[in-house]
C-alpha atoms as a PDB file:
ATOM      1  CA  MET A   1     103.735 124.580  97.529  1.00  0.00           C
ATOM      2  CA  ALA A   2     102.223 121.407  98.617  1.00  0.00           C
ATOM      3  CA  ILE A   3     103.433 117.814  99.721  1.00  0.00           C
ATOM      4  CA  ASP A   4     101.970 115.108  97.738  1.00  0.00           C
ATOM      5  CA  LYS A   5     100.862 112.353 100.548  1.00  0.00           C
ATOM      6  CA  GLY A   6     102.896 109.465 101.204  1.00  0.00           C
ATOM      7  CA  HIS A   7     106.196 112.041 100.834  1.00  0.00           C
ATOM      8  CA  ARG A   8     109.457 110.635 103.335  1.00  0.00           C
ATOM      9  CA  PHE A   9     111.120 113.066 105.170  1.00  0.00           C
ATOM     10  CA  GLY A  10     114.763 111.844 105.676  1.00  0.00           C
ATOM     11  CA  ILE A  11     116.157 112.906 108.985  1.00  0.00           C
ATOM     12  CA  ASP A  12     118.818 112.151 111.036  1.00  0.00           C
ATOM     13  CA  PHE A  13     119.173 109.387 113.566  1.00  0.00           C
ATOM     14  CA  ASP A  14     119.861 111.372 116.448  1.00  0.00           C
ATOM     15  CA  ASP A  15     117.407 113.571 115.270  1.00  0.00           C
ATOM     16  CA  ALA A  16     114.469 111.280 115.588  1.00  0.00           C
ATOM     17  CA  PHE A  17     115.670 108.154 118.567  1.00  0.00           C
ATOM     18  CA  PRO A  18     117.905 110.538 120.815  1.00  0.00           C
ATOM     19  CA  GLN A  19     118.242 107.513 122.923  1.00  0.00           C
ATOM     20  CA  GLY A  20     118.317 105.072 120.182  1.00  0.00           C
ATOM     21  CA  LEU A  21     117.079 102.165 118.713  1.00  0.00           C
ATOM     22  CA  VAL A  22     116.947  98.381 119.951  1.00  0.00           C
ATOM     23  CA  MET A  23     116.225  95.555 117.822  1.00  0.00           C
ATOM     24  CA  VAL A  24     114.029  92.821 118.572  1.00  0.00           C
ATOM     25  CA  GLY A  25     115.166  89.377 116.739  1.00  0.00           C
ATOM     26  CA  GLU A  26     115.616  89.549 113.195  1.00  0.00           C
ATOM     27  CA  VAL A  27     115.401  91.216 109.861  1.00  0.00           C
ATOM     28  CA  SER A  28     113.035  89.151 107.927  1.00  0.00           C
ATOM     29  CA  PRO A  29     111.555  89.832 104.483  1.00  0.00           C
ATOM     30  CA  ASP A  30     108.537  91.332 103.995  1.00  0.00           C
ATOM     31  CA  ASN A  31     106.388  89.567 102.333  1.00  0.00           C
ATOM     32  CA  GLU A  32     103.016  90.315 100.901  1.00  0.00           C
ATOM     33  CA  TYR A  33      99.948  88.475 101.978  1.00  0.00           C
ATOM     34  CA  GLN A  34      99.367  85.117 100.665  1.00  0.00           C
ATOM     35  CA  SER A  35      95.417  84.416 100.813  1.00  0.00           C
ATOM     36  CA  ARG A  36      94.068  80.613 101.037  1.00  0.00           C
ATOM     37  CA  GLU A  37      94.294  79.814  96.957  1.00  0.00           C
ATOM     38  CA  ASP A  38      97.631  80.703  96.703  1.00  0.00           C
ATOM     39  CA  ARG A  39      98.768  78.426 100.000  1.00  0.00           C
ATOM     40  CA  ALA A  40      96.637  75.670  98.224  1.00  0.00           C
ATOM     41  CA  ALA A  41      98.156  76.224  94.672  1.00  0.00           C
ATOM     42  CA  ASN A  42     101.708  75.777  96.888  1.00  0.00           C
ATOM     43  CA  ARG A  43     102.067  79.080  94.702  1.00  0.00           C
ATOM     44  CA  PRO A  44     105.406  81.094  95.724  1.00  0.00           C
ATOM     45  CA  VAL A  45     105.566  84.202  98.708  1.00  0.00           C
ATOM     46  CA  ARG A  46     106.845  87.125  96.712  1.00  0.00           C
ATOM     47  CA  GLN A  47     108.696  89.424  98.882  1.00  0.00           C
ATOM     48  CA  ARG A  48     107.741  93.229  98.518  1.00  0.00           C
ATOM     49  CA  VAL A  49     109.280  96.061  96.439  1.00  0.00           C
ATOM     50  CA  ASP A  50     109.426  99.251  97.639  1.00  0.00           C
ATOM     51  CA  GLU A  51     107.278 101.247  94.799  1.00  0.00           C
ATOM     52  CA  ILE A  52     109.749 104.336  95.028  1.00  0.00           C
ATOM     53  CA  THR A  53     112.418 102.483  95.227  1.00  0.00           C
ATOM     54  CA  GLY A  54     112.072  99.487  93.320  1.00  0.00           C
ATOM     55  CA  LYS A  55     114.281  97.828  95.928  1.00  0.00           C
ATOM     56  CA  ARG A  56     113.586  95.629  98.148  1.00  0.00           C
ATOM     57  CA  GLN A  57     111.798  95.032 101.741  1.00  0.00           C
ATOM     58  CA  TRP A  58     112.684  93.847 105.110  1.00  0.00           C
ATOM     59  CA  LYS A  59     111.653  94.479 108.537  1.00  0.00           C
ATOM     60  CA  VAL A  60     112.710  94.535 111.613  1.00  0.00           C
ATOM     61  CA  MET A  61     111.155  95.114 115.138  1.00  0.00           C
ATOM     62  CA  VAL A  62     112.187  97.503 117.453  1.00  0.00           C
ATOM     63  CA  THR A  63     112.246  99.584 121.262  1.00  0.00           C
ATOM     64  CA  ASP A  64     113.055 103.304 121.388  1.00  0.00           C
ATOM     65  CA  PRO A  65     113.918 103.623 125.104  1.00  0.00           C
ATOM     66  CA  ALA A  66     112.071 107.495 124.910  1.00  0.00           C
ATOM     67  CA  GLU A  67     108.967 106.619 124.545  1.00  0.00           C
ATOM     68  CA  THR A  68     106.904 107.144 126.896  1.00  0.00           C
ATOM     69  CA  ARG A  69     104.339 105.461 126.626  1.00  0.00           C
ATOM     70  CA  ALA A  70     104.316 101.024 126.397  1.00  0.00           C
ATOM     71  CA  LYS A  71     101.872 101.230 122.805  1.00  0.00           C
ATOM     72  CA  ARG A  72     103.873 103.070 120.549  1.00  0.00           C
ATOM     73  CA  ALA A  73     107.621 101.536 122.734  1.00  0.00           C
ATOM     74  CA  SER A  74     107.378  99.347 119.593  1.00  0.00           C
ATOM     75  CA  PHE A  75     107.272  98.714 116.367  1.00  0.00           C
ATOM     76  CA  GLU A  76     108.633  97.360 113.258  1.00  0.00           C
ATOM     77  CA  ILE A  77     111.006  99.556 110.495  1.00  0.00           C
ATOM     78  CA  THR A  78     111.202  99.023 106.893  1.00  0.00           C
ATOM     79  CA  LEU A  79     114.438  98.613 105.368  1.00  0.00           C
ATOM     80  CA  LEU A  80     115.334  98.265 101.851  1.00  0.00           C
ATOM     81  CA  ALA A  81     117.730  96.789 100.860  1.00  0.00           C
ATOM     82  CA  ASP A  82     118.253  94.389  97.739  1.00  0.00           C
ATOM     83  CA  VAL A  83     119.951  91.560  99.506  1.00  0.00           C
ATOM     84  CA  GLN A  84     118.884  90.962 103.660  1.00  0.00           C
ATOM     85  CA  PRO A  85     120.832  93.948 105.890  1.00  0.00           C
ATOM     86  CA  VAL A  86     123.604  92.683 108.601  1.00  0.00           C
ATOM     87  CA  PRO A  87     122.972  94.300 111.809  1.00  0.00           C
ATOM     88  CA  THR A  88     126.415  95.830 113.007  1.00  0.00           C
ATOM     89  CA  THR A  89     126.149  94.959 116.862  1.00  0.00           C
ATOM     90  CA  SER A  90     126.585  92.470 119.240  1.00  0.00           C
ATOM     91  CA  GLU A  91     123.809  91.632 120.736  1.00  0.00           C
ATOM     92  CA  ALA A  92     123.070  92.720 124.830  1.00  0.00           C
ATOM     93  CA  LEU A  93     120.578  90.306 125.781  1.00  0.00           C
ATOM     94  CA  PRO A  94     119.976  87.400 123.810  1.00  0.00           C
ATOM     95  CA  GLY A  95     117.397  89.194 121.283  1.00  0.00           C
ATOM     96  CA  MET A  96     118.569  92.527 121.797  1.00  0.00           C
ATOM     97  CA  ARG A  97     121.078  94.337 120.254  1.00  0.00           C
ATOM     98  CA  PRO A  98     121.441  98.075 120.168  1.00  0.00           C
ATOM     99  CA  ILE A  99     121.192  99.638 116.584  1.00  0.00           C
ATOM    100  CA  GLU A 100     122.052 102.459 114.765  1.00  0.00           C
ATOM    101  CA  LEU A 101     120.053 103.311 110.986  1.00  0.00           C
ATOM    102  CA  ASP A 102     121.729 104.419 108.090  1.00  0.00           C
ATOM    103  CA  GLY A 103     119.257 106.477 105.887  1.00  0.00           C
ATOM    104  CA  LEU A 104     116.907 106.860 107.830  1.00  0.00           C
ATOM    105  CA  THR A 105     113.188 108.822 106.597  1.00  0.00           C
ATOM    106  CA  ALA A 106     110.354 109.331 108.137  1.00  0.00           C
ATOM    107  CA  GLU A 107     106.463 109.038 106.478  1.00  0.00           C
ATOM    108  CA  PRO A 108     103.853 111.164 108.500  1.00  0.00           C
ATOM    109  CA  ARG A 109     100.303 108.866 108.514  1.00  0.00           C
ATOM    110  CA  VAL A 110      97.524 108.714 111.391  1.00  0.00           C
ATOM    111  CA  ALA A 111      97.246 106.793 113.117  1.00  0.00           C
ATOM    112  CA  GLY A 112      94.455 104.756 115.754  1.00  0.00           C
ATOM    113  CA  GLN A 113      90.378 104.922 114.927  1.00  0.00           C
ATOM    114  CA  GLY A 114      88.277 106.676 116.120  1.00  0.00           C
ATOM    115  CA  GLU A 115      87.980 110.057 118.601  1.00  0.00           C
ATOM    116  CA  PHE A 116      91.211 108.270 119.549  1.00  0.00           C
ATOM    117  CA  LYS A 117      93.459 109.313 117.122  1.00  0.00           C
ATOM    118  CA  TYR A 118      97.430 110.133 116.597  1.00  0.00           C
ATOM    119  CA  GLN A 119     100.000 111.519 114.440  1.00  0.00           C
ATOM    120  CA  SER A 120     102.884 108.588 113.872  1.00  0.00           C
ATOM    121  CA  TYR A 121     105.538 107.621 111.258  1.00  0.00           C
ATOM    122  CA  VAL A 122     106.578 105.038 109.244  1.00  0.00           C
ATOM    123  CA  PHE A 123     109.410 104.614 109.107  1.00  0.00           C
ATOM    124  CA  ARG A 124     112.520 103.460 106.504  1.00  0.00           C
ATOM    125  CA  ALA A 125     115.984 102.985 106.109  1.00  0.00           C
ATOM    126  CA  THR A 126     118.816 102.166 103.718  1.00  0.00           C
ATOM    127  CA  GLY A 127     120.731  99.694 106.459  1.00  0.00           C
ATOM    128  CA  PHE A 128     122.479  99.563 109.459  1.00  0.00           C
ATOM    129  CA  LYS A 129     125.445 101.554 110.632  1.00  0.00           C
ATOM    130  CA  GLN A 130     128.109 101.565 113.615  1.00  0.00           C
ATOM    131  CA  ALA A 131     125.973 101.838 116.876  1.00  0.00           C
ATOM    132  CA  THR A 132     128.737 104.442 119.100  1.00  0.00           C
ATOM    133  CA  SER A 133     128.232 105.008 122.448  1.00  0.00           C
ATOM    134  CA  LYS A 134     127.623 108.135 123.740  1.00  0.00           C
ATOM    135  CA  PRO A 135     125.310 109.864 126.765  1.00  0.00           C
ATOM    136  CA  SER A 136     121.840 110.597 125.749  1.00  0.00           C
ATOM    137  CA  ARG A 137     120.836 113.847 124.916  1.00  0.00           C
ATOM    138  CA  SER A 138     118.252 115.830 127.117  1.00  0.00           C
ATOM    139  CA  GLY A 139     114.876 116.054 125.678  1.00  0.00           C
ATOM    140  CA  GLY A 140     111.177 115.745 124.592  1.00  0.00           C
ATOM    141  CA  THR A 141     110.651 111.840 123.454  1.00  0.00           C
ATOM    142  CA  SER A 142     109.611 111.079 119.729  1.00  0.00           C
ATOM    143  CA  GLU A 143     106.650 110.017 118.115  1.00  0.00           C
ATOM    144  CA  THR A 144     107.664 106.767 116.941  1.00  0.00           C
ATOM    145  CA  ALA A 145     104.634 104.159 116.692  1.00  0.00           C
ATOM    146  CA  LYS A 146     104.119 102.551 113.135  1.00  0.00           C
ATOM    147  CA  ALA A 147     101.416 102.698 111.442  1.00  0.00           C
ATOM    148  CA  ALA A 148     100.400  99.613 109.539  1.00  0.00           C
END
């Protein structure tokens, strides 16, 4: 039995991010690329729609405190929802808030170039859930780089 390319695996938030995530900035629409000709013609910007769920795509920049490699610690997560998801937590520092995600999926990808390729994941979620304050579990780090 083969697994199709692009398969999204459901994963528990605590398994993927044992120390949680920190949202940096705000949730914004994931818009399609607009060429110079489109801008010159004053065409409206279109928001991307997920081909599997049919939901609008939103993006948010996050940081994984469990990641030891600085280049892989921050990445974007795609949120799939009809309306813009709103975080349920308050800011810990200006522009930064601890978050937990609901309906999390991981899609394996190969990232990097040439001989420096590595396993990464594209994470998608359906929204935010109330973050809980709990002691962090000891364990390994997770590969959390978002491939483009």
